[in-house]
Amino acid sequence: MSNSLQKTPVRLLTIPEVKDILRVSEKTVRRWIAKGELPAAKLGNQWRIRPRDLDDFVRDRLVR
């Protein structure tokens, strides 16, 4: 028996989902990824974004 914890996989967001959440274009989301501003993983030929990374991305841009 293994003592490792079973983690529930995080549901990753697609570029169209991120653009809908932030109300920007797909081109803008892709530009943020290309510039390294929004962390993303390329799985096959599609990009995926962790919800935590999207939250951090937005939080870092809040005007205080």
PDB file of N, CA and C in Angstrom:
ATOM      1  N   MET A   1       0.827  -1.188   0.000  1.00  0.00           N
ATOM      2  CA  MET A   1       0.000   0.000   0.000  1.00  0.00           C
ATOM      3  C   MET A   1       0.866   1.244   0.000  1.00  0.00           C
ATOM      4  N   SER A   2       0.425   2.236  -0.732  1.00  0.00           N
ATOM      5  CA  SER A   2       1.162   3.484  -0.841  1.00  0.00           C
ATOM      6  C   SER A   2       0.612   4.507   0.143  1.00  0.00           C
ATOM      7  N   ASN A   3       1.508   5.302   0.737  1.00  0.00           N
ATOM      8  CA  ASN A   3       1.095   6.343   1.669  1.00  0.00           C
ATOM      9  C   ASN A   3       0.899   7.693   0.990  1.00  0.00           C
ATOM     10  N   SER A   4       1.079   7.754  -0.324  1.00  0.00           N
ATOM     11  CA  SER A   4       0.944   9.035  -1.011  1.00  0.00           C
ATOM     12  C   SER A   4      -0.507   9.496  -0.996  1.00  0.00           C
ATOM     13  N   LEU A   5      -0.663  10.807  -0.894  1.00  0.00           N
ATOM     14  CA  LEU A   5      -2.001  11.393  -0.889  1.00  0.00           C
ATOM     15  C   LEU A   5      -2.571  11.413  -2.295  1.00  0.00           C
ATOM     16  N   GLN A   6      -3.827  11.102  -2.405  1.00  0.00           N
ATOM     17  CA  GLN A   6      -4.505  11.191  -3.692  1.00  0.00           C
ATOM     18  C   GLN A   6      -4.999  12.618  -3.860  1.00  0.00           C
ATOM     19  N   LYS A   7      -4.475  13.305  -4.837  1.00  0.00           N
ATOM     20  CA  LYS A   7      -4.895  14.683  -5.081  1.00  0.00           C
ATOM     21  C   LYS A   7      -5.938  14.705  -6.185  1.00  0.00           C
ATOM     22  N   THR A   8      -6.934  15.545  -5.996  1.00  0.00           N
ATOM     23  CA  THR A   8      -7.926  15.741  -7.037  1.00  0.00           C
ATOM     24  C   THR A   8      -7.296  16.609  -8.114  1.00  0.00           C
ATOM     25  N   PRO A   9      -7.335  16.170  -9.365  1.00  0.00           N
ATOM     26  CA  PRO A   9      -6.725  16.988 -10.416  1.00  0.00           C
ATOM     27  C   PRO A   9      -7.423  18.337 -10.548  1.00  0.00           C
ATOM     28  N   VAL A  10      -6.623  19.359 -10.777  1.00  0.00           N
ATOM     29  CA  VAL A  10      -7.155  20.701 -10.969  1.00  0.00           C
ATOM     30  C   VAL A  10      -7.694  20.799 -12.385  1.00  0.00           C
ATOM     31  N   ARG A  11      -8.875  21.353 -12.542  1.00  0.00           N
ATOM     32  CA  ARG A  11      -9.429  21.548 -13.876  1.00  0.00           C
ATOM     33  C   ARG A  11      -8.724  22.740 -14.497  1.00  0.00           C
ATOM     34  N   LEU A  12      -8.028  22.499 -15.582  1.00  0.00           N
ATOM     35  CA  LEU A  12      -7.289  23.558 -16.258  1.00  0.00           C
ATOM     36  C   LEU A  12      -8.208  24.311 -17.205  1.00  0.00           C
ATOM     37  N   LEU A  13      -7.936  25.595 -17.348  1.00  0.00           N
ATOM     38  CA  LEU A  13      -8.741  26.456 -18.212  1.00  0.00           C
ATOM     39  C   LEU A  13      -8.153  26.519 -19.614  1.00  0.00           C
ATOM     40  N   THR A  14      -9.016  26.647 -20.595  1.00  0.00           N
ATOM     41  CA  THR A  14      -8.584  26.835 -21.978  1.00  0.00           C
ATOM     42  C   THR A  14      -8.482  28.333 -22.264  1.00  0.00           C
ATOM     43  N   ILE A  15      -7.849  28.677 -23.367  1.00  0.00           N
ATOM     44  CA  ILE A  15      -7.762  30.082 -23.763  1.00  0.00           C
ATOM     45  C   ILE A  15      -9.157  30.692 -23.964  1.00  0.00           C
ATOM     46  N   PRO A  16     -10.079  30.004 -24.644  1.00  0.00           N
ATOM     47  CA  PRO A  16     -11.421  30.588 -24.776  1.00  0.00           C
ATOM     48  C   PRO A  16     -12.105  30.817 -23.420  1.00  0.00           C
ATOM     49  N   GLU A  17     -11.889  29.936 -22.450  1.00  0.00           N
ATOM     50  CA  GLU A  17     -12.477  30.142 -21.131  1.00  0.00           C
ATOM     51  C   GLU A  17     -11.870  31.361 -20.442  1.00  0.00           C
ATOM     52  N   VAL A  18     -10.551  31.518 -20.548  1.00  0.00           N
ATOM     53  CA  VAL A  18      -9.869  32.663 -19.933  1.00  0.00           C
ATOM     54  C   VAL A  18     -10.353  33.961 -20.582  1.00  0.00           C
ATOM     55  N   LYS A  19     -10.458  33.979 -21.896  1.00  0.00           N
ATOM     56  CA  LYS A  19     -10.907  35.199 -22.573  1.00  0.00           C
ATOM     57  C   LYS A  19     -12.321  35.574 -22.164  1.00  0.00           C
ATOM     58  N   ASP A  20     -13.182  34.576 -21.952  1.00  0.00           N
ATOM     59  CA  ASP A  20     -14.547  34.854 -21.508  1.00  0.00           C
ATOM     60  C   ASP A  20     -14.568  35.377 -20.073  1.00  0.00           C
ATOM     61  N   ILE A  21     -13.741  34.804 -19.218  1.00  0.00           N
ATOM     62  CA  ILE A  21     -13.677  35.240 -17.824  1.00  0.00           C
ATOM     63  C   ILE A  21     -13.205  36.686 -17.739  1.00  0.00           C
ATOM     64  N   LEU A  22     -12.161  37.018 -18.503  1.00  0.00           N
ATOM     65  CA  LEU A  22     -11.557  38.347 -18.424  1.00  0.00           C
ATOM     66  C   LEU A  22     -12.159  39.346 -19.412  1.00  0.00           C
ATOM     67  N   ARG A  23     -12.989  38.859 -20.321  1.00  0.00           N
ATOM     68  CA  ARG A  23     -13.615  39.700 -21.346  1.00  0.00           C
ATOM     69  C   ARG A  23     -12.573  40.423 -22.197  1.00  0.00           C
ATOM     70  N   VAL A  24     -11.622  39.626 -22.701  1.00  0.00           N
ATOM     71  CA  VAL A  24     -10.608  40.114 -23.631  1.00  0.00           C
ATOM     72  C   VAL A  24     -10.610  39.172 -24.820  1.00  0.00           C
ATOM     73  N   SER A  25      -9.789  39.476 -25.819  1.00  0.00           N
ATOM     74  CA  SER A  25      -9.734  38.613 -26.998  1.00  0.00           C
ATOM     75  C   SER A  25      -8.779  37.438 -26.765  1.00  0.00           C
ATOM     76  N   GLU A  26      -8.956  36.393 -27.573  1.00  0.00           N
ATOM     77  CA  GLU A  26      -8.025  35.257 -27.515  1.00  0.00           C
ATOM     78  C   GLU A  26      -6.616  35.720 -27.856  1.00  0.00           C
ATOM     79  N   LYS A  27      -6.518  36.674 -28.777  1.00  0.00           N
ATOM     80  CA  LYS A  27      -5.209  37.198 -29.167  1.00  0.00           C
ATOM     81  C   LYS A  27      -4.494  37.813 -27.963  1.00  0.00           C
ATOM     82  N   THR A  28      -5.236  38.518 -27.131  1.00  0.00           N
ATOM     83  CA  THR A  28      -4.648  39.126 -25.933  1.00  0.00           C
ATOM     84  C   THR A  28      -4.153  38.055 -24.972  1.00  0.00           C
ATOM     85  N   VAL A  29      -4.960  37.018 -24.744  1.00  0.00           N
ATOM     86  CA  VAL A  29      -4.550  35.925 -23.850  1.00  0.00           C
ATOM     87  C   VAL A  29      -3.292  35.250 -24.404  1.00  0.00           C
ATOM     88  N   ARG A  30      -3.272  34.997 -25.697  1.00  0.00           N
ATOM     89  CA  ARG A  30      -2.097  34.355 -26.310  1.00  0.00           C
ATOM     90  C   ARG A  30      -0.859  35.248 -26.200  1.00  0.00           C
ATOM     91  N   ARG A  31      -1.043  36.536 -26.320  1.00  0.00           N
ATOM     92  CA  ARG A  31       0.080  37.475 -26.192  1.00  0.00           C
ATOM     93  C   ARG A  31       0.645  37.444 -24.767  1.00  0.00           C
ATOM     94  N   TRP A  32      -0.243  37.426 -23.758  1.00  0.00           N
ATOM     95  CA  TRP A  32       0.211  37.338 -22.368  1.00  0.00           C
ATOM     96  C   TRP A  32       1.008  36.058 -22.138  1.00  0.00           C
ATOM     97  N   ILE A  33       0.545  34.954 -22.723  1.00  0.00           N
ATOM     98  CA  ILE A  33       1.251  33.679 -22.576  1.00  0.00           C
ATOM     99  C   ILE A  33       2.609  33.756 -23.264  1.00  0.00           C
ATOM    100  N   ALA A  34       2.647  34.269 -24.490  1.00  0.00           N
ATOM    101  CA  ALA A  34       3.895  34.360 -25.262  1.00  0.00           C
ATOM    102  C   ALA A  34       4.927  35.240 -24.558  1.00  0.00           C
ATOM    103  N   LYS A  35       4.461  36.305 -23.890  1.00  0.00           N
ATOM    104  CA  LYS A  35       5.365  37.212 -23.187  1.00  0.00           C
ATOM    105  C   LYS A  35       5.780  36.679 -21.822  1.00  0.00           C
ATOM    106  N   GLY A  36       5.195  35.550 -21.416  1.00  0.00           N
ATOM    107  CA  GLY A  36       5.523  34.958 -20.121  1.00  0.00           C
ATOM    108  C   GLY A  36       4.811  35.629 -18.954  1.00  0.00           C
ATOM    109  N   GLU A  37       3.844  36.463 -19.244  1.00  0.00           N
ATOM    110  CA  GLU A  37       3.107  37.161 -18.187  1.00  0.00           C
ATOM    111  C   GLU A  37       2.044  36.264 -17.537  1.00  0.00           C
ATOM    112  N   LEU A  38       1.471  35.376 -18.327  1.00  0.00           N
ATOM    113  CA  LEU A  38       0.459  34.449 -17.829  1.00  0.00           C
ATOM    114  C   LEU A  38       1.005  33.031 -17.980  1.00  0.00           C
ATOM    115  N   PRO A  39       1.313  32.366 -16.865  1.00  0.00           N
ATOM    116  CA  PRO A  39       1.842  31.000 -16.959  1.00  0.00           C
ATOM    117  C   PRO A  39       0.821  30.062 -17.594  1.00  0.00           C
ATOM    118  N   ALA A  40       1.304  29.204 -18.481  1.00  0.00           N
ATOM    119  CA  ALA A  40       0.436  28.252 -19.160  1.00  0.00           C
ATOM    120  C   ALA A  40       1.251  27.032 -19.563  1.00  0.00           C
ATOM    121  N   ALA A  41       0.557  25.926 -19.747  1.00  0.00           N
ATOM    122  CA  ALA A  41       1.197  24.688 -20.184  1.00  0.00           C
ATOM    123  C   ALA A  41       0.621  24.295 -21.535  1.00  0.00           C
ATOM    124  N   LYS A  42       1.495  23.935 -22.456  1.00  0.00           N
ATOM    125  CA  LYS A  42       1.025  23.489 -23.766  1.00  0.00           C
ATOM    126  C   LYS A  42       0.914  21.970 -23.729  1.00  0.00           C
ATOM    127  N   LEU A  43      -0.300  21.485 -23.850  1.00  0.00           N
ATOM    128  CA  LEU A  43      -0.575  20.054 -23.838  1.00  0.00           C
ATOM    129  C   LEU A  43      -1.073  19.674 -25.219  1.00  0.00           C
ATOM    130  N   GLY A  44      -0.233  18.953 -25.939  1.00  0.00           N
ATOM    131  CA  GLY A  44      -0.546  18.687 -27.328  1.00  0.00           C
ATOM    132  C   GLY A  44      -0.404  19.992 -28.083  1.00  0.00           C
ATOM    133  N   ASN A  45      -1.464  20.412 -28.750  1.00  0.00           N
ATOM    134  CA  ASN A  45      -1.405  21.690 -29.462  1.00  0.00           C
ATOM    135  C   ASN A  45      -2.288  22.755 -28.816  1.00  0.00           C
ATOM    136  N   GLN A  46      -2.678  22.515 -27.561  1.00  0.00           N
ATOM    137  CA  GLN A  46      -3.558  23.461 -26.884  1.00  0.00           C
ATOM    138  C   GLN A  46      -2.932  23.950 -25.581  1.00  0.00           C
ATOM    139  N   TRP A  47      -3.167  25.219 -25.276  1.00  0.00           N
ATOM    140  CA  TRP A  47      -2.675  25.816 -24.038  1.00  0.00           C
ATOM    141  C   TRP A  47      -3.684  25.607 -22.927  1.00  0.00           C
ATOM    142  N   ARG A  48      -3.178  25.393 -21.702  1.00  0.00           N
ATOM    143  CA  ARG A  48      -4.022  25.262 -20.515  1.00  0.00           C
ATOM    144  C   ARG A  48      -3.461  26.162 -19.418  1.00  0.00           C
ATOM    145  N   ILE A  49      -4.365  26.780 -18.665  1.00  0.00           N
ATOM    146  CA  ILE A  49      -3.986  27.718 -17.614  1.00  0.00           C
ATOM    147  C   ILE A  49      -4.603  27.241 -16.299  1.00  0.00           C
ATOM    148  N   ARG A  50      -3.775  27.209 -15.243  1.00  0.00           N
ATOM    149  CA  ARG A  50      -4.300  26.849 -13.921  1.00  0.00           C
ATOM    150  C   ARG A  50      -5.107  28.022 -13.380  1.00  0.00           C
ATOM    151  N   PRO A  51      -6.268  27.746 -12.784  1.00  0.00           N
ATOM    152  CA  PRO A  51      -7.063  28.831 -12.189  1.00  0.00           C
ATOM    153  C   PRO A  51      -6.256  29.655 -11.186  1.00  0.00           C
ATOM    154  N   ARG A  52      -5.392  29.021 -10.427  1.00  0.00           N
ATOM    155  CA  ARG A  52      -4.559  29.740  -9.452  1.00  0.00           C
ATOM    156  C   ARG A  52      -3.645  30.736 -10.157  1.00  0.00           C
ATOM    157  N   ASP A  53      -3.080  30.347 -11.310  1.00  0.00           N
ATOM    158  CA  ASP A  53      -2.211  31.254 -12.057  1.00  0.00           C
ATOM    159  C   ASP A  53      -2.998  32.426 -12.627  1.00  0.00           C
ATOM    160  N   LEU A  54      -4.227  32.176 -13.051  1.00  0.00           N
ATOM    161  CA  LEU A  54      -5.066  33.266 -13.553  1.00  0.00           C
ATOM    162  C   LEU A  54      -5.402  34.232 -12.421  1.00  0.00           C
ATOM    163  N   ASP A  55      -5.732  33.692 -11.253  1.00  0.00           N
ATOM    164  CA  ASP A  55      -6.011  34.556 -10.095  1.00  0.00           C
ATOM    165  C   ASP A  55      -4.799  35.417  -9.757  1.00  0.00           C
ATOM    166  N   ASP A  56      -3.611  34.816  -9.739  1.00  0.00           N
ATOM    167  CA  ASP A  56      -2.384  35.561  -9.441  1.00  0.00           C
ATOM    168  C   ASP A  56      -2.132  36.638 -10.492  1.00  0.00           C
ATOM    169  N   PHE A  57      -2.357  36.294 -11.750  1.00  0.00           N
ATOM    170  CA  PHE A  57      -2.165  37.228 -12.857  1.00  0.00           C
ATOM    171  C   PHE A  57      -3.037  38.466 -12.665  1.00  0.00           C
ATOM    172  N   VAL A  58      -4.304  38.263 -12.338  1.00  0.00           N
ATOM    173  CA  VAL A  58      -5.230  39.380 -12.139  1.00  0.00           C
ATOM    174  C   VAL A  58      -4.859  40.151 -10.876  1.00  0.00           C
ATOM    175  N   ARG A  59      -4.567  39.441  -9.803  1.00  0.00           N
ATOM    176  CA  ARG A  59      -4.222  40.093  -8.537  1.00  0.00           C
ATOM    177  C   ARG A  59      -3.000  40.998  -8.690  1.00  0.00           C
ATOM    178  N   ASP A  60      -2.020  40.548  -9.468  1.00  0.00           N
ATOM    179  CA  ASP A  60      -0.807  41.344  -9.686  1.00  0.00           C
ATOM    180  C   ASP A  60      -1.088  42.633 -10.449  1.00  0.00           C
ATOM    181  N   ARG A  61      -2.211  42.705 -11.115  1.00  0.00           N
ATOM    182  CA  ARG A  61      -2.556  43.877 -11.920  1.00  0.00           C
ATOM    183  C   ARG A  61      -3.580  44.791 -11.276  1.00  0.00           C
ATOM    184  N   LEU A  62      -3.987  44.470 -10.068  1.00  0.00           N
ATOM    185  CA  LEU A  62      -4.955  45.322  -9.367  1.00  0.00           C
ATOM    186  C   LEU A  62      -4.321  46.642  -9.019  1.00  0.00           C
ATOM    187  N   VAL A  63      -5.041  47.713  -9.253  1.00  0.00           N
ATOM    188  CA  VAL A  63      -4.578  49.049  -8.906  1.00  0.00           C
ATOM    189  C   VAL A  63      -4.926  49.284  -7.445  1.00  0.00           C
ATOM    190  N   ARG A  64      -3.941  49.725  -6.696  1.00  0.00           N
ATOM    191  CA  ARG A  64      -4.179  49.939  -5.252  1.00  0.00           C
ATOM    192  C   ARG A  64      -4.121  51.398  -4.933  1.00  0.00           C
TER     193      ARG A  64
END
